PDB file of all heavy atoms in Angstrom:
ATOM      1  N   GLY A   1       0.837  -1.237  -0.004  1.00  0.00           N
ATOM      2  CA  GLY A   1       0.030   0.009  -0.070  1.00  0.00           C
ATOM      3  C   GLY A   1       0.889   1.238   0.153  1.00  0.00           C
ATOM      4  O   GLY A   1       2.072   1.163   0.370  1.00  0.00           O
ATOM      5  N   TYR A   2       0.429   2.375  -0.397  1.00  0.00           N
ATOM      6  CA  TYR A   2       1.210   3.524  -0.452  1.00  0.00           C
ATOM      7  C   TYR A   2       0.567   4.736   0.349  1.00  0.00           C
ATOM      8  O   TYR A   2      -0.823   4.867   0.197  1.00  0.00           O
ATOM      9  CB  TYR A   2       1.366   4.006  -1.939  1.00  0.00           C
ATOM     10  CG  TYR A   2       2.056   2.961  -2.778  1.00  0.00           C
ATOM     11  CD1 TYR A   2       1.246   1.980  -3.536  1.00  0.00           C
ATOM     12  CD2 TYR A   2       3.444   2.934  -2.818  1.00  0.00           C
ATOM     13  CE1 TYR A   2       1.959   1.064  -4.252  1.00  0.00           C
ATOM     14  CE2 TYR A   2       4.071   2.030  -3.523  1.00  0.00           C
ATOM     15  CZ  TYR A   2       3.403   1.030  -4.336  1.00  0.00           C
ATOM     16  OH  TYR A   2       3.919   0.127  -5.074  1.00  0.00           O
ATOM     17  N   PHE A   3       1.258   5.443   0.957  1.00  0.00           N
ATOM     18  CA  PHE A   3       0.768   6.584   1.755  1.00  0.00           C
ATOM     19  C   PHE A   3       1.717   7.769   1.735  1.00  0.00           C
ATOM     20  O   PHE A   3       2.747   7.621   1.290  1.00  0.00           O
ATOM     21  CB  PHE A   3       0.683   6.113   3.354  1.00  0.00           C
ATOM     22  CG  PHE A   3      -0.153   4.777   3.472  1.00  0.00           C
ATOM     23  CD1 PHE A   3       0.363   3.531   3.365  1.00  0.00           C
ATOM     24  CD2 PHE A   3      -1.549   5.042   3.723  1.00  0.00           C
ATOM     25  CE1 PHE A   3      -0.489   2.463   3.529  1.00  0.00           C
ATOM     26  CE2 PHE A   3      -2.395   3.825   3.801  1.00  0.00           C
ATOM     27  CZ  PHE A   3      -1.852   2.662   3.847  1.00  0.00           C
ATOM     28  N   MET A   4       1.070   8.865   2.167  1.00  0.00           N
ATOM     29  CA  MET A   4       2.054  10.054   2.407  1.00  0.00           C
ATOM     30  C   MET A   4       1.796  10.401   3.846  1.00  0.00           C
ATOM     31  O   MET A   4       0.807  10.687   4.294  1.00  0.00           O
ATOM     32  CB  MET A   4       1.545  11.225   1.425  1.00  0.00           C
ATOM     33  CG  MET A   4       2.403  12.384   1.553  1.00  0.00           C
ATOM     34  SD  MET A   4       2.071  13.531   0.153  1.00  0.00           S
ATOM     35  CE  MET A   4       2.370  15.106   0.913  1.00  0.00           C
ATOM     36  N   ALA A   5       3.025  10.547   4.482  1.00  0.00           N
ATOM     37  CA  ALA A   5       3.055  10.886   5.949  1.00  0.00           C
ATOM     38  C   ALA A   5       3.582  12.210   5.943  1.00  0.00           C
ATOM     39  O   ALA A   5       4.706  12.593   5.498  1.00  0.00           O
ATOM     40  CB  ALA A   5       3.913   9.910   6.702  1.00  0.00           C
ATOM     41  N   VAL A   6       2.745  13.189   6.463  1.00  0.00           N
ATOM     42  CA  VAL A   6       3.232  14.615   6.578  1.00  0.00           C
ATOM     43  C   VAL A   6       3.674  15.015   8.007  1.00  0.00           C
ATOM     44  O   VAL A   6       2.919  14.646   8.906  1.00  0.00           O
ATOM     45  CB  VAL A   6       1.985  15.483   6.128  1.00  0.00           C
ATOM     46  CG1 VAL A   6       2.415  17.012   6.174  1.00  0.00           C
ATOM     47  CG2 VAL A   6       1.585  15.030   4.691  1.00  0.00           C
ATOM     48  N   PHE A   7       4.807  15.468   8.143  1.00  0.00           N
ATOM     49  CA  PHE A   7       5.416  15.943   9.383  1.00  0.00           C
ATOM     50  C   PHE A   7       5.464  17.361   9.561  1.00  0.00           C
ATOM     51  O   PHE A   7       6.133  18.018   8.758  1.00  0.00           O
ATOM     52  CB  PHE A   7       6.846  15.283   9.600  1.00  0.00           C
ATOM     53  CG  PHE A   7       6.830  13.843   9.631  1.00  0.00           C
ATOM     54  CD1 PHE A   7       6.607  12.987   8.568  1.00  0.00           C
ATOM     55  CD2 PHE A   7       7.195  13.161  10.787  1.00  0.00           C
ATOM     56  CE1 PHE A   7       6.758  11.589   8.602  1.00  0.00           C
ATOM     57  CE2 PHE A   7       7.355  11.844  10.951  1.00  0.00           C
ATOM     58  CZ  PHE A   7       6.996  11.046   9.846  1.00  0.00           C
ATOM     59  N   GLY A   8       4.974  17.965  10.641  1.00  0.00           N
ATOM     60  CA  GLY A   8       5.144  19.273  10.960  1.00  0.00           C
ATOM     61  C   GLY A   8       6.402  19.493  11.917  1.00  0.00           C
ATOM     62  O   GLY A   8       7.339  18.697  11.890  1.00  0.00           O
ATOM     63  N   THR A   9       6.393  20.580  12.667  1.00  0.00           N
ATOM     64  CA  THR A   9       7.452  20.814  13.417  1.00  0.00           C
ATOM     65  C   THR A   9       7.441  19.709  14.689  1.00  0.00           C
ATOM     66  O   THR A   9       6.500  19.469  15.205  1.00  0.00           O
ATOM     67  CB  THR A   9       7.419  22.153  14.243  1.00  0.00           C
ATOM     68  OG1 THR A   9       7.336  23.064  13.033  1.00  0.00           O
ATOM     69  CG2 THR A   9       8.628  22.476  15.086  1.00  0.00           C
ATOM     70  N   PRO A  10       8.452  19.126  14.885  1.00  0.00           N
ATOM     71  CA  PRO A  10       8.547  18.012  15.918  1.00  0.00           C
ATOM     72  C   PRO A  10       8.227  18.620  17.264  1.00  0.00           C
ATOM     73  O   PRO A  10       8.799  19.647  17.670  1.00  0.00           O
ATOM     74  CB  PRO A  10      10.047  17.465  15.899  1.00  0.00           C
ATOM     75  CG  PRO A  10      10.585  17.912  14.509  1.00  0.00           C
ATOM     76  CD  PRO A  10       9.862  19.211  14.199  1.00  0.00           C
ATOM     77  N   GLU A  11       7.370  18.037  18.013  1.00  0.00           N
ATOM     78  CA  GLU A  11       7.054  18.330  19.272  1.00  0.00           C
ATOM     79  C   GLU A  11       7.013  17.111  20.201  1.00  0.00           C
ATOM     80  O   GLU A  11       6.048  16.400  20.475  1.00  0.00           O
ATOM     81  CB  GLU A  11       5.731  18.968  19.379  1.00  0.00           C
ATOM     82  CG  GLU A  11       5.622  20.244  18.498  1.00  0.00           C
ATOM     83  CD  GLU A  11       4.220  20.841  18.313  1.00  0.00           C
ATOM     84  OE1 GLU A  11       3.219  20.154  18.873  1.00  0.00           O
ATOM     85  OE2 GLU A  11       4.033  21.847  17.687  1.00  0.00           O
ATOM     86  N   PRO A  12       8.318  16.640  20.720  1.00  0.00           N
ATOM     87  CA  PRO A  12       8.366  15.511  21.721  1.00  0.00           C
ATOM     88  C   PRO A  12       7.375  15.687  22.798  1.00  0.00           C
ATOM     89  O   PRO A  12       7.003  16.834  23.252  1.00  0.00           O
ATOM     90  CB  PRO A  12       9.749  15.441  22.061  1.00  0.00           C
ATOM     91  CG  PRO A  12      10.480  16.262  21.089  1.00  0.00           C
ATOM     92  CD  PRO A  12       9.527  17.329  20.562  1.00  0.00           C
ATOM     93  N   PRO A  13       6.817  14.563  23.279  1.00  0.00           N
ATOM     94  CA  PRO A  13       7.267  13.184  23.143  1.00  0.00           C
ATOM     95  C   PRO A  13       6.469  12.540  22.015  1.00  0.00           C
ATOM     96  O   PRO A  13       6.939  11.457  21.644  1.00  0.00           O
ATOM     97  CB  PRO A  13       7.067  12.569  24.397  1.00  0.00           C
ATOM     98  CG  PRO A  13       5.757  13.223  25.037  1.00  0.00           C
ATOM     99  CD  PRO A  13       5.957  14.684  24.514  1.00  0.00           C
ATOM    100  N   ASP A  14       5.333  13.124  21.427  1.00  0.00           N
ATOM    101  CA  ASP A  14       4.604  12.431  20.454  1.00  0.00           C
ATOM    102  C   ASP A  14       4.951  12.639  19.099  1.00  0.00           C
ATOM    103  O   ASP A  14       5.011  11.749  18.336  1.00  0.00           O
ATOM    104  CB  ASP A  14       3.106  12.737  20.718  1.00  0.00           C
ATOM    105  CG  ASP A  14       2.587  12.184  22.101  1.00  0.00           C
ATOM    106  OD1 ASP A  14       3.114  11.189  22.523  1.00  0.00           O
ATOM    107  OD2 ASP A  14       1.561  12.744  22.593  1.00  0.00           O
ATOM    108  N   LYS A  15       5.177  13.810  18.740  1.00  0.00           N
ATOM    109  CA  LYS A  15       5.396  14.231  17.338  1.00  0.00           C
ATOM    110  C   LYS A  15       6.849  14.317  17.089  1.00  0.00           C
ATOM    111  O   LYS A  15       7.644  15.029  17.651  1.00  0.00           O
ATOM    112  CB  LYS A  15       4.733  15.541  17.031  1.00  0.00           C
ATOM    113  CG  LYS A  15       3.153  15.388  17.164  1.00  0.00           C
ATOM    114  CD  LYS A  15       2.426  16.629  16.965  1.00  0.00           C
ATOM    115  CE  LYS A  15       0.879  16.423  17.034  1.00  0.00           C
ATOM    116  NZ  LYS A  15       0.267  17.625  16.793  1.00  0.00           N
ATOM    117  N   ASP A  16       7.327  13.411  16.098  1.00  0.00           N
ATOM    118  CA  ASP A  16       8.735  13.270  15.852  1.00  0.00           C
ATOM    119  C   ASP A  16       9.083  13.893  14.476  1.00  0.00           C
ATOM    120  O   ASP A  16       8.219  14.299  13.708  1.00  0.00           O
ATOM    121  CB  ASP A  16       9.045  11.789  15.757  1.00  0.00           C
ATOM    122  CG  ASP A  16       8.736  11.048  17.147  1.00  0.00           C
ATOM    123  OD1 ASP A  16       9.493  11.491  18.099  1.00  0.00           O
ATOM    124  OD2 ASP A  16       7.977  10.191  17.213  1.00  0.00           O
ATOM    125  N   SER A  17      10.332  13.804  14.147  1.00  0.00           N
ATOM    126  CA  SER A  17      10.908  14.279  13.039  1.00  0.00           C
ATOM    127  C   SER A  17      10.892  13.140  11.943  1.00  0.00           C
ATOM    128  O   SER A  17      10.761  11.968  12.316  1.00  0.00           O
ATOM    129  CB  SER A  17      12.356  14.777  13.060  1.00  0.00           C
ATOM    130  OG  SER A  17      13.167  13.751  13.525  1.00  0.00           O
ATOM    131  N   VAL A  18      11.042  13.391  10.729  1.00  0.00           N
ATOM    132  CA  VAL A  18      10.959  12.367   9.645  1.00  0.00           C
ATOM    133  C   VAL A  18      11.919  11.387   9.920  1.00  0.00           C
ATOM    134  O   VAL A  18      11.627  10.176   9.629  1.00  0.00           O
ATOM    135  CB  VAL A  18      11.147  13.098   8.310  1.00  0.00           C
ATOM    136  CG1 VAL A  18      11.305  12.118   7.104  1.00  0.00           C
ATOM    137  CG2 VAL A  18      10.041  14.005   7.897  1.00  0.00           C
ATOM    138  N   ASP A  19      13.140  11.576  10.232  1.00  0.00           N
ATOM    139  CA  ASP A  19      14.225  10.613  10.398  1.00  0.00           C
ATOM    140  C   ASP A  19      14.166   9.782  11.646  1.00  0.00           C
ATOM    141  O   ASP A  19      14.947   8.877  11.773  1.00  0.00           O
ATOM    142  CB  ASP A  19      15.594  11.224  10.296  1.00  0.00           C
ATOM    143  CG  ASP A  19      15.787  12.264  11.411  1.00  0.00           C
ATOM    144  OD1 ASP A  19      14.892  12.625  12.225  1.00  0.00           O
ATOM    145  OD2 ASP A  19      17.075  12.833  11.505  1.00  0.00           O
ATOM    146  N   SER A  20      13.067  10.003  12.561  1.00  0.00           N
ATOM    147  CA  SER A  20      12.955   9.315  13.742  1.00  0.00           C
ATOM    148  C   SER A  20      12.507   7.763  13.614  1.00  0.00           C
ATOM    149  O   SER A  20      12.768   6.938  14.442  1.00  0.00           O
ATOM    150  CB  SER A  20      11.942   9.920  14.569  1.00  0.00           C
ATOM    151  OG  SER A  20      10.621   9.806  14.061  1.00  0.00           O
ATOM    152  N   GLY A  21      11.827   7.449  12.513  1.00  0.00           N
ATOM    153  CA  GLY A  21      11.301   6.129  12.334  1.00  0.00           C
ATOM    154  C   GLY A  21      10.061   5.804  13.040  1.00  0.00           C
ATOM    155  O   GLY A  21       9.594   4.676  13.268  1.00  0.00           O
ATOM    156  N   ARG A  22       9.368   7.089  13.473  1.00  0.00           N
ATOM    157  CA  ARG A  22       8.121   6.919  14.129  1.00  0.00           C
ATOM    158  C   ARG A  22       7.146   7.891  13.657  1.00  0.00           C
ATOM    159  O   ARG A  22       7.546   9.141  13.659  1.00  0.00           O
ATOM    160  CB  ARG A  22       8.435   6.992  15.668  1.00  0.00           C
ATOM    161  CG  ARG A  22       7.228   6.756  16.540  1.00  0.00           C
ATOM    162  CD  ARG A  22       7.708   6.696  17.955  1.00  0.00           C
ATOM    163  NE  ARG A  22       7.664   8.166  18.506  1.00  0.00           N
ATOM    164  CZ  ARG A  22       7.539   8.243  19.842  1.00  0.00           C
ATOM    165  NH1 ARG A  22       7.483   7.476  20.761  1.00  0.00           N
ATOM    166  NH2 ARG A  22       7.411   9.543  20.195  1.00  0.00           N
ATOM    167  N   PHE A  23       5.829   7.491  13.373  1.00  0.00           N
ATOM    168  CA  PHE A  23       4.967   8.606  13.035  1.00  0.00           C
ATOM    169  C   PHE A  23       3.707   8.416  14.021  1.00  0.00           C
ATOM    170  O   PHE A  23       3.092   7.375  14.246  1.00  0.00           O
ATOM    171  CB  PHE A  23       4.290   8.282  11.601  1.00  0.00           C
ATOM    172  CG  PHE A  23       3.422   9.269  11.121  1.00  0.00           C
ATOM    173  CD1 PHE A  23       3.718  10.438  10.695  1.00  0.00           C
ATOM    174  CD2 PHE A  23       1.910   9.120  11.162  1.00  0.00           C
ATOM    175  CE1 PHE A  23       2.949  11.502  10.260  1.00  0.00           C
ATOM    176  CE2 PHE A  23       1.085  10.015  10.710  1.00  0.00           C
ATOM    177  CZ  PHE A  23       1.498  11.281  10.224  1.00  0.00           C
ATOM    178  N   PHE A  24       3.401   9.634  14.689  1.00  0.00           N
ATOM    179  CA  PHE A  24       2.328   9.668  15.647  1.00  0.00           C
ATOM    180  C   PHE A  24       0.970   9.572  14.860  1.00  0.00           C
ATOM    181  O   PHE A  24       0.639  10.313  14.013  1.00  0.00           O
ATOM    182  CB  PHE A  24       2.406  10.911  16.308  1.00  0.00           C
ATOM    183  CG  PHE A  24       1.282  11.214  17.367  1.00  0.00           C
ATOM    184  CD1 PHE A  24       1.245  10.376  18.420  1.00  0.00           C
ATOM    185  CD2 PHE A  24       0.475  12.400  17.323  1.00  0.00           C
ATOM    186  CE1 PHE A  24       0.345  10.533  19.451  1.00  0.00           C
ATOM    187  CE2 PHE A  24      -0.436  12.592  18.297  1.00  0.00           C
ATOM    188  CZ  PHE A  24      -0.575  11.699  19.234  1.00  0.00           C
ATOM    189  N   LEU A  25       0.094   8.698  15.352  1.00  0.00           N
ATOM    190  CA  LEU A  25      -1.199   8.527  14.801  1.00  0.00           C
ATOM    191  C   LEU A  25      -2.268   9.292  15.309  1.00  0.00           C
ATOM    192  O   LEU A  25      -3.428   9.545  14.743  1.00  0.00           O
ATOM    193  CB  LEU A  25      -1.655   6.939  14.855  1.00  0.00           C
ATOM    194  CG  LEU A  25      -0.820   6.024  14.065  1.00  0.00           C
ATOM    195  CD1 LEU A  25      -1.233   4.573  14.289  1.00  0.00           C
ATOM    196  CD2 LEU A  25      -0.944   6.255  12.560  1.00  0.00           C
ATOM    197  N   GLY A  26      -2.191   9.846  16.478  1.00  0.00           N
ATOM    198  CA  GLY A  26      -3.115  10.705  17.119  1.00  0.00           C
ATOM    199  C   GLY A  26      -4.409  10.106  17.348  1.00  0.00           C
ATOM    200  O   GLY A  26      -4.390   8.913  17.873  1.00  0.00           O
ATOM    201  N   GLN A  27      -5.501  10.673  17.097  1.00  0.00           N
ATOM    202  CA  GLN A  27      -6.841  10.042  17.337  1.00  0.00           C
ATOM    203  C   GLN A  27      -7.220   9.010  16.511  1.00  0.00           C
ATOM    204  O   GLN A  27      -8.073   8.206  16.801  1.00  0.00           O
ATOM    205  CB  GLN A  27      -7.860  11.229  17.282  1.00  0.00           C
ATOM    206  CG  GLN A  27      -7.635  12.276  18.310  1.00  0.00           C
ATOM    207  CD  GLN A  27      -8.658  13.440  18.055  1.00  0.00           C
ATOM    208  OE1 GLN A  27      -9.468  13.524  17.212  1.00  0.00           O
ATOM    209  NE2 GLN A  27      -8.744  14.366  18.983  1.00  0.00           N
ATOM    210  N   ARG A  28      -6.596   8.778  15.305  1.00  0.00           N
ATOM    211  CA  ARG A  28      -6.913   7.714  14.360  1.00  0.00           C
ATOM    212  C   ARG A  28      -6.588   6.337  14.925  1.00  0.00           C
ATOM    213  O   ARG A  28      -7.293   5.325  14.737  1.00  0.00           O
ATOM    214  CB  ARG A  28      -6.162   7.903  13.065  1.00  0.00           C
ATOM    215  CG  ARG A  28      -6.738   9.247  12.355  1.00  0.00           C
ATOM    216  CD  ARG A  28      -6.051   9.516  11.076  1.00  0.00           C
ATOM    217  NE  ARG A  28      -6.377   8.450  10.139  1.00  0.00           N
ATOM    218  CZ  ARG A  28      -5.947   8.360   8.804  1.00  0.00           C
ATOM    219  NH1 ARG A  28      -5.038   9.276   8.459  1.00  0.00           N
ATOM    220  NH2 ARG A  28      -6.444   7.437   7.982  1.00  0.00           N
ATOM    221  N   GLY A  29      -5.432   6.293  15.518  1.00  0.00           N
ATOM    222  CA  GLY A  29      -4.963   5.077  16.247  1.00  0.00           C
ATOM    223  C   GLY A  29      -4.781   3.784  15.342  1.00  0.00           C
ATOM    224  O   GLY A  29      -4.447   3.957  14.216  1.00  0.00           O
ATOM    225  N   ALA A  30      -4.995   2.665  16.006  1.00  0.00           N
ATOM    226  CA  ALA A  30      -4.646   1.486  15.341  1.00  0.00           C
ATOM    227  C   ALA A  30      -5.612   1.029  14.124  1.00  0.00           C
ATOM    228  O   ALA A  30      -5.305   0.195  13.312  1.00  0.00           O
ATOM    229  CB  ALA A  30      -4.736   0.306  16.260  1.00  0.00           C
ATOM    230  N   ASP A  31      -6.684   1.766  14.061  1.00  0.00           N
ATOM    231  CA  ASP A  31      -7.540   1.345  12.887  1.00  0.00           C
ATOM    232  C   ASP A  31      -7.049   2.114  11.630  1.00  0.00           C
ATOM    233  O   ASP A  31      -7.634   1.942  10.605  1.00  0.00           O
ATOM    234  CB  ASP A  31      -8.985   1.822  13.121  1.00  0.00           C
ATOM    235  CG  ASP A  31      -9.250   3.262  13.380  1.00  0.00           C
ATOM    236  OD1 ASP A  31      -8.287   4.000  13.830  1.00  0.00           O
ATOM    237  OD2 ASP A  31     -10.332   3.778  13.244  1.00  0.00           O
ATOM    238  N   THR A  32      -5.979   2.940  11.690  1.00  0.00           N
ATOM    239  CA  THR A  32      -5.399   3.575  10.569  1.00  0.00           C
ATOM    240  C   THR A  32      -4.941   2.593   9.583  1.00  0.00           C
ATOM    241  O   THR A  32      -4.208   1.517  10.010  1.00  0.00           O
ATOM    242  CB  THR A  32      -4.245   4.414  11.019  1.00  0.00           C
ATOM    243  OG1 THR A  32      -4.722   5.412  11.971  1.00  0.00           O
ATOM    244  CG2 THR A  32      -3.600   5.286   9.860  1.00  0.00           C
ATOM    245  N   PRO A  33      -4.984   2.751   8.279  1.00  0.00           N
ATOM    246  CA  PRO A  33      -4.534   1.792   7.332  1.00  0.00           C
ATOM    247  C   PRO A  33      -3.022   1.687   7.410  1.00  0.00           C
ATOM    248  O   PRO A  33      -2.372   2.684   7.980  1.00  0.00           O
ATOM    249  CB  PRO A  33      -5.001   2.289   6.011  1.00  0.00           C
ATOM    250  CG  PRO A  33      -5.769   3.557   6.310  1.00  0.00           C
ATOM    251  CD  PRO A  33      -5.712   3.892   7.675  1.00  0.00           C
ATOM    252  N   GLY A  34      -2.460   0.768   6.842  1.00  0.00           N
ATOM    253  CA  GLY A  34      -1.101   0.558   6.743  1.00  0.00           C
ATOM    254  C   GLY A  34      -0.517  -0.748   7.468  1.00  0.00           C
ATOM    255  O   GLY A  34      -1.014  -0.986   8.518  1.00  0.00           O
ATOM    256  N   GLU A  35       0.043  -1.494   6.674  1.00  0.00           N
ATOM    257  CA  GLU A  35       0.650  -2.759   7.145  1.00  0.00           C
ATOM    258  C   GLU A  35       2.020  -2.940   6.971  1.00  0.00           C
ATOM    259  O   GLU A  35       2.752  -2.192   6.206  1.00  0.00           O
ATOM    260  CB  GLU A  35      -0.010  -4.017   6.529  1.00  0.00           C
ATOM    261  CG  GLU A  35      -1.632  -3.943   6.750  1.00  0.00           C
ATOM    262  CD  GLU A  35      -2.046  -3.899   8.313  1.00  0.00           C
ATOM    263  OE1 GLU A  35      -1.347  -4.648   8.991  1.00  0.00           O
ATOM    264  OE2 GLU A  35      -3.059  -3.334   8.551  1.00  0.00           O
ATOM    265  N   ARG A  36       2.670  -3.949   7.545  1.00  0.00           N
ATOM    266  CA  ARG A  36       4.190  -4.130   7.415  1.00  0.00           C
ATOM    267  C   ARG A  36       4.450  -4.333   5.886  1.00  0.00           C
ATOM    268  O   ARG A  36       3.753  -4.949   5.043  1.00  0.00           O
ATOM    269  CB  ARG A  36       4.523  -5.535   8.192  1.00  0.00           C
ATOM    270  CG  ARG A  36       6.015  -5.933   7.981  1.00  0.00           C
ATOM    271  CD  ARG A  36       6.362  -7.066   8.894  1.00  0.00           C
ATOM    272  NE  ARG A  36       7.754  -7.367   8.797  1.00  0.00           N
ATOM    273  CZ  ARG A  36       8.592  -6.794   9.574  1.00  0.00           C
ATOM    274  NH1 ARG A  36       8.250  -6.059  10.460  1.00  0.00           N
ATOM    275  NH2 ARG A  36      10.042  -7.120   9.424  1.00  0.00           N
ATOM    276  N   GLY A  37       5.587  -3.562   5.380  1.00  0.00           N
ATOM    277  CA  GLY A  37       5.991  -3.506   4.031  1.00  0.00           C
ATOM    278  C   GLY A  37       5.228  -2.603   3.189  1.00  0.00           C
ATOM    279  O   GLY A  37       5.740  -2.148   2.049  1.00  0.00           O
ATOM    280  N   ASP A  38       4.286  -1.810   3.712  1.00  0.00           N
ATOM    281  CA  ASP A  38       3.719  -0.711   2.989  1.00  0.00           C
ATOM    282  C   ASP A  38       4.721   0.440   2.951  1.00  0.00           C
ATOM    283  O   ASP A  38       5.603   0.542   3.813  1.00  0.00           O
ATOM    284  CB  ASP A  38       2.351  -0.223   3.496  1.00  0.00           C
ATOM    285  CG  ASP A  38       1.199  -1.106   3.320  1.00  0.00           C
ATOM    286  OD1 ASP A  38       1.380  -2.236   2.473  1.00  0.00           O
ATOM    287  OD2 ASP A  38       0.298  -1.153   3.856  1.00  0.00           O
ATOM    288  N   LEU A  39       4.565   1.319   1.996  1.00  0.00           N
ATOM    289  CA  LEU A  39       5.500   2.456   1.795  1.00  0.00           C
ATOM    290  C   LEU A  39       4.822   3.812   2.017  1.00  0.00           C
ATOM    291  O   LEU A  39       3.743   4.095   1.649  1.00  0.00           O
ATOM    292  CB  LEU A  39       6.073   2.409   0.414  1.00  0.00           C
ATOM    293  CG  LEU A  39       6.787   1.109  -0.042  1.00  0.00           C
ATOM    294  CD1 LEU A  39       7.104   1.019  -1.448  1.00  0.00           C
ATOM    295  CD2 LEU A  39       8.084   0.950   0.820  1.00  0.00           C
ATOM    296  N   MET A  40       5.492   4.649   2.647  1.00  0.00           N
ATOM    297  CA  MET A  40       5.088   6.008   3.014  1.00  0.00           C
ATOM    298  C   MET A  40       6.084   6.965   2.357  1.00  0.00           C
ATOM    299  O   MET A  40       7.255   6.850   2.603  1.00  0.00           O
ATOM    300  CB  MET A  40       4.964   6.272   4.514  1.00  0.00           C
ATOM    301  CG  MET A  40       4.150   5.338   5.175  1.00  0.00           C
ATOM    302  SD  MET A  40       3.856   5.857   6.989  1.00  0.00           S
ATOM    303  CE  MET A  40       5.539   5.822   7.656  1.00  0.00           C
ATOM    304  N   LEU A  41       5.630   8.070   1.669  1.00  0.00           N
ATOM    305  CA  LEU A  41       6.428   9.020   1.176  1.00  0.00           C
ATOM    306  C   LEU A  41       6.304  10.018   2.359  1.00  0.00           C
ATOM    307  O   LEU A  41       5.325  10.473   2.776  1.00  0.00           O
ATOM    308  CB  LEU A  41       5.785   9.721  -0.084  1.00  0.00           C
ATOM    309  CG  LEU A  41       6.496  10.774  -0.784  1.00  0.00           C
ATOM    310  CD1 LEU A  41       7.759  10.171  -1.401  1.00  0.00           C
ATOM    311  CD2 LEU A  41       5.697  11.366  -1.963  1.00  0.00           C
ATOM    312  N   LEU A  42       7.532  10.444   2.778  1.00  0.00           N
ATOM    313  CA  LEU A  42       7.787  11.278   3.978  1.00  0.00           C
ATOM    314  C   LEU A  42       7.929  12.669   3.517  1.00  0.00           C
ATOM    315  O   LEU A  42       8.933  12.997   2.926  1.00  0.00           O
ATOM    316  CB  LEU A  42       8.818  10.840   4.826  1.00  0.00           C
ATOM    317  CG  LEU A  42       8.874   9.273   5.258  1.00  0.00           C
ATOM    318  CD1 LEU A  42      10.098   8.822   5.862  1.00  0.00           C
ATOM    319  CD2 LEU A  42       7.624   8.868   6.001  1.00  0.00           C
ATOM    320  N   VAL A  43       7.079  13.662   4.034  1.00  0.00           N
ATOM    321  CA  VAL A  43       7.035  14.866   3.661  1.00  0.00           C
ATOM    322  C   VAL A  43       6.957  15.880   4.834  1.00  0.00           C
ATOM    323  O   VAL A  43       6.340  15.687   5.791  1.00  0.00           O
ATOM    324  CB  VAL A  43       5.744  15.190   2.761  1.00  0.00           C
ATOM    325  CG1 VAL A  43       5.610  16.563   2.233  1.00  0.00           C
ATOM    326  CG2 VAL A  43       5.849  14.365   1.583  1.00  0.00           C
ATOM    327  N   HIS A  44       7.717  16.859   4.656  1.00  0.00           N
ATOM    328  CA  HIS A  44       7.806  18.017   5.713  1.00  0.00           C
ATOM    329  C   HIS A  44       6.673  19.095   5.511  1.00  0.00           C
ATOM    330  O   HIS A  44       6.533  19.528   4.362  1.00  0.00           O
ATOM    331  CB  HIS A  44       9.117  18.836   5.629  1.00  0.00           C
ATOM    332  CG  HIS A  44      10.226  18.046   6.215  1.00  0.00           C
ATOM    333  ND1 HIS A  44      10.632  18.028   7.497  1.00  0.00           N
ATOM    334  CD2 HIS A  44      11.146  17.296   5.515  1.00  0.00           C
ATOM    335  CE1 HIS A  44      11.669  17.199   7.598  1.00  0.00           C
ATOM    336  NE2 HIS A  44      11.997  16.823   6.379  1.00  0.00           N
TER     337      HIS A  44
END
């Protein structure tokens, strides 16, 4: 699957930078699409 992950200004502890390897889901949580092996285009 393909996604675009958009990153604003990092605000630890939840909101990270693109190079962190972690994207905060917020209110969407575990029902958010995306599975192992899917690809995200990482955008600032």
